[in-house]
Amino acid sequence: MKEVQVMALLCITMIAVLCDLRSGRIPNALIVTGLLCGFAYQILANGPAGFLLFLGGSGLPVLLFSVLFYFRMIGAGDIKLLCVPGAFLGPQHGLTCLIFAVLSGGLISLFLMIHHGNIYVRLQYFAEYVSSYSRDKIWRPYLDGIEESAKFCFSVPVLLGVLCDIGGII
């Protein structure tokens, strides 16, 4: 049963990465499919308790990233995609996957800033954004006015987080 869980989760996250890299979007149908498969797995593997594991695992990214979404620092598709590993893995491993995703996303961001030579500009933009919001209390999307080189597909770190959690990398 564990092999089915891992294979289904890897297939869904890899398809999400391909879609995200190709179009910049993750189809809702893929997310719904992932959540339904995660729910089915939890129920089959854990009985009625699987419902709570599903809710805890899939709800955790929504709770933890809602502030980042409010400021448009992360997209809704990325949060929805993070719910899929949580649905399959439950809250404990879902959180581990989420932590690995954030860490690998940070490393990818750092690499991209070094590659583009814009670390100072990016840090200055972030500091100005926080200062402006703290001072004026006026909301504006974080990614407004940001050049494309400062953006990347967060689905890649999500896949890396899944691989780290299931033992495919570490």
Protein backbone atom coordinates (compact mmCIF):
# COMPACT_ATOMS: atom_id res chain seq x y z
CA MET A 1 0.00 0.00 0.00
CA LYS A 2 2.91 2.37 0.78
CA GLU A 3 4.25 1.98 -2.76
CA VAL A 4 0.89 3.05 -4.21
CA GLN A 5 0.92 6.12 -1.98
CA VAL A 6 4.43 7.11 -3.03
CA MET A 7 3.91 6.47 -6.75
CA ALA A 8 0.61 8.36 -6.87
CA LEU A 9 2.06 11.33 -4.98
CA LEU A 10 5.17 11.44 -7.18
CA CYS A 11 3.12 11.25 -10.38
CA ILE A 12 0.83 14.07 -9.31
CA THR A 13 3.65 16.36 -8.17
CA MET A 14 5.74 15.67 -11.28
CA ILE A 15 2.79 16.45 -13.55
CA ALA A 16 2.23 19.65 -11.54
CA VAL A 17 5.86 20.66 -12.09
CA LEU A 18 5.59 20.04 -15.83
CA CYS A 19 2.37 22.06 -16.07
CA ASP A 20 3.81 24.87 -13.94
CA LEU A 21 7.02 25.08 -15.96
CA ARG A 22 5.13 25.00 -19.25
CA SER A 23 2.27 27.40 -18.50
CA GLY A 24 2.94 28.97 -15.10
CA ARG A 25 -0.24 27.36 -13.75
CA ILE A 26 -1.19 24.17 -11.97
CA PRO A 27 -4.57 22.84 -13.17
CA ASN A 28 -7.26 22.66 -10.52
CA ALA A 29 -8.32 19.29 -11.92
CA LEU A 30 -4.88 17.93 -11.03
CA ILE A 31 -5.13 19.33 -7.50
CA VAL A 32 -8.61 17.87 -7.01
CA THR A 33 -7.40 14.52 -8.34
CA GLY A 34 -4.48 14.62 -5.91
CA LEU A 35 -6.69 15.51 -2.97
CA LEU A 36 -9.22 12.78 -3.82
CA CYS A 37 -6.46 10.19 -4.19
CA GLY A 38 -4.91 11.33 -0.90
CA PHE A 39 -8.30 11.09 0.81
CA ALA A 40 -8.92 7.62 -0.61
CA TYR A 41 -5.46 6.49 0.48
CA GLN A 42 -5.93 7.79 4.02
CA ILE A 43 -9.33 6.10 4.39
CA LEU A 44 -8.10 2.78 2.97
CA ALA A 45 -4.88 2.79 5.02
CA ASN A 46 -6.20 4.20 8.32
CA GLY A 47 -9.95 3.70 8.37
CA PRO A 48 -12.08 6.49 9.87
CA ALA A 49 -8.99 8.07 11.48
CA GLY A 50 -7.75 8.66 7.93
CA PHE A 51 -10.31 11.43 7.59
CA LEU A 52 -8.60 13.40 10.37
CA LEU A 53 -5.14 12.69 8.92
CA PHE A 54 -6.39 13.92 5.54
CA LEU A 55 -7.88 17.10 7.02
CA GLY A 56 -4.82 17.84 9.13
CA GLY A 57 -2.35 17.20 6.34
CA SER A 58 -4.23 19.04 3.63
CA GLY A 59 -5.28 21.95 5.85
CA LEU A 60 -1.85 22.72 7.29
CA PRO A 61 -0.44 24.53 4.21
CA VAL A 62 -3.56 26.70 4.02
CA LEU A 63 -3.10 27.76 7.64
CA LEU A 64 0.64 28.30 7.41
CA PHE A 65 0.75 30.12 4.07
CA SER A 66 -2.42 32.21 4.19
CA VAL A 67 -0.48 35.35 5.18
CA LEU A 68 2.00 34.87 2.33
CA PHE A 69 -0.93 34.42 -0.06
CA TYR A 70 -2.63 37.56 1.29
CA PHE A 71 0.43 39.57 0.30
CA ARG A 72 0.71 37.62 -2.98
CA MET A 73 4.15 36.33 -2.08
CA ILE A 74 2.98 32.83 -3.00
CA GLY A 75 0.33 31.75 -5.46
CA ALA A 76 -2.89 29.90 -4.70
CA GLY A 77 -1.80 27.04 -6.97
CA ASP A 78 1.36 26.58 -4.93
CA ILE A 79 -0.60 26.39 -1.69
CA LYS A 80 -3.11 23.99 -3.23
CA LEU A 81 -0.25 21.85 -4.50
CA LEU A 82 1.27 21.78 -0.99
CA CYS A 83 -2.06 20.42 0.27
CA VAL A 84 -1.69 17.31 -1.89
CA PRO A 85 1.39 15.84 -0.13
CA GLY A 86 -0.29 16.63 3.19
CA ALA A 87 -3.38 14.75 2.07
CA PHE A 88 -1.31 11.69 1.20
CA LEU A 89 1.21 11.87 4.05
CA GLY A 90 -0.82 13.28 6.95
CA PRO A 91 0.06 16.31 9.06
CA GLN A 92 3.41 15.12 10.45
CA HIS A 93 5.01 14.13 7.15
CA GLY A 94 3.11 16.89 5.36
CA LEU A 95 4.83 19.40 7.63
CA THR A 96 8.21 17.77 6.97
CA CYS A 97 7.55 17.97 3.23
CA LEU A 98 6.51 21.61 3.61
CA ILE A 99 9.69 22.47 5.54
CA PHE A 100 11.88 20.80 2.92
CA ALA A 101 9.95 22.63 0.18
CA VAL A 102 10.51 26.01 1.86
CA LEU A 103 14.20 25.29 2.45
CA SER A 104 14.79 24.11 -1.11
CA GLY A 105 12.79 27.08 -2.40
CA GLY A 106 15.04 29.38 -0.39
CA LEU A 107 18.14 27.73 -1.83
CA ILE A 108 16.76 28.00 -5.37
CA SER A 109 15.95 31.68 -4.75
CA LEU A 110 19.45 32.30 -3.42
CA PHE A 111 20.98 30.56 -6.43
CA LEU A 112 18.82 32.60 -8.83
CA MET A 113 19.72 35.87 -7.09
CA ILE A 114 23.42 35.01 -7.28
CA HIS A 115 23.04 33.98 -10.92
CA HIS A 116 21.23 37.21 -11.83
CA GLY A 117 23.43 39.33 -9.57
CA ASN A 118 20.46 40.96 -7.85
CA ILE A 119 20.68 39.88 -4.20
CA TYR A 120 20.98 43.46 -2.97
CA VAL A 121 18.11 44.66 -5.19
CA ARG A 122 15.84 41.81 -4.02
CA LEU A 123 16.61 42.38 -0.32
CA GLN A 124 16.14 46.13 -0.77
CA TYR A 125 12.76 45.54 -2.49
CA PHE A 126 11.64 43.28 0.37
CA ALA A 127 12.75 45.77 3.02
CA GLU A 128 10.97 48.62 1.23
CA TYR A 129 7.83 46.53 0.86
CA VAL A 130 7.74 45.67 4.58
CA SER A 131 8.54 49.26 5.53
CA SER A 132 5.85 50.66 3.24
CA TYR A 133 3.19 48.28 4.54
CA SER A 134 4.18 48.89 8.17
CA ARG A 135 4.07 52.64 7.70
CA ASP A 136 1.01 53.07 5.44
CA LYS A 137 -1.01 49.91 6.17
CA ILE A 138 -1.94 49.88 2.48
CA TRP A 139 -2.02 46.46 0.87
CA ARG A 140 -0.49 45.88 -2.52
CA PRO A 141 0.60 42.61 -4.11
CA TYR A 142 4.25 41.84 -3.39
CA LEU A 143 4.94 40.63 -6.91
CA ASP A 144 3.62 43.79 -8.63
CA GLY A 145 6.41 45.39 -10.58
CA ILE A 146 8.86 42.55 -10.08
CA GLU A 147 10.87 41.48 -13.09
CA GLU A 148 10.36 37.93 -14.36
CA SER A 149 13.89 36.90 -13.37
CA ALA A 150 12.86 37.28 -9.72
CA LYS A 151 10.06 34.71 -10.06
CA PHE A 152 10.23 30.94 -10.21
CA CYS A 153 7.89 27.96 -10.13
CA PHE A 154 7.41 26.87 -6.51
CA SER A 155 6.17 23.47 -7.71
CA VAL A 156 9.82 22.43 -8.12
CA PRO A 157 10.59 22.91 -4.39
CA VAL A 158 7.33 21.10 -3.58
CA LEU A 159 8.55 18.11 -5.58
CA LEU A 160 11.92 18.33 -3.84
CA GLY A 161 10.12 18.42 -0.49
CA VAL A 162 8.17 15.30 -1.40
CA LEU A 163 11.36 13.54 -2.50
CA CYS A 164 13.14 14.51 0.72
CA ASP A 165 10.25 13.30 2.88
CA ILE A 166 9.81 9.95 1.18
CA GLY A 167 13.55 9.30 1.19
CA GLY A 168 14.22 9.89 -2.48
CA ILE A 169 16.91 12.52 -1.87
CA ILE A 170 18.14 12.45 1.72
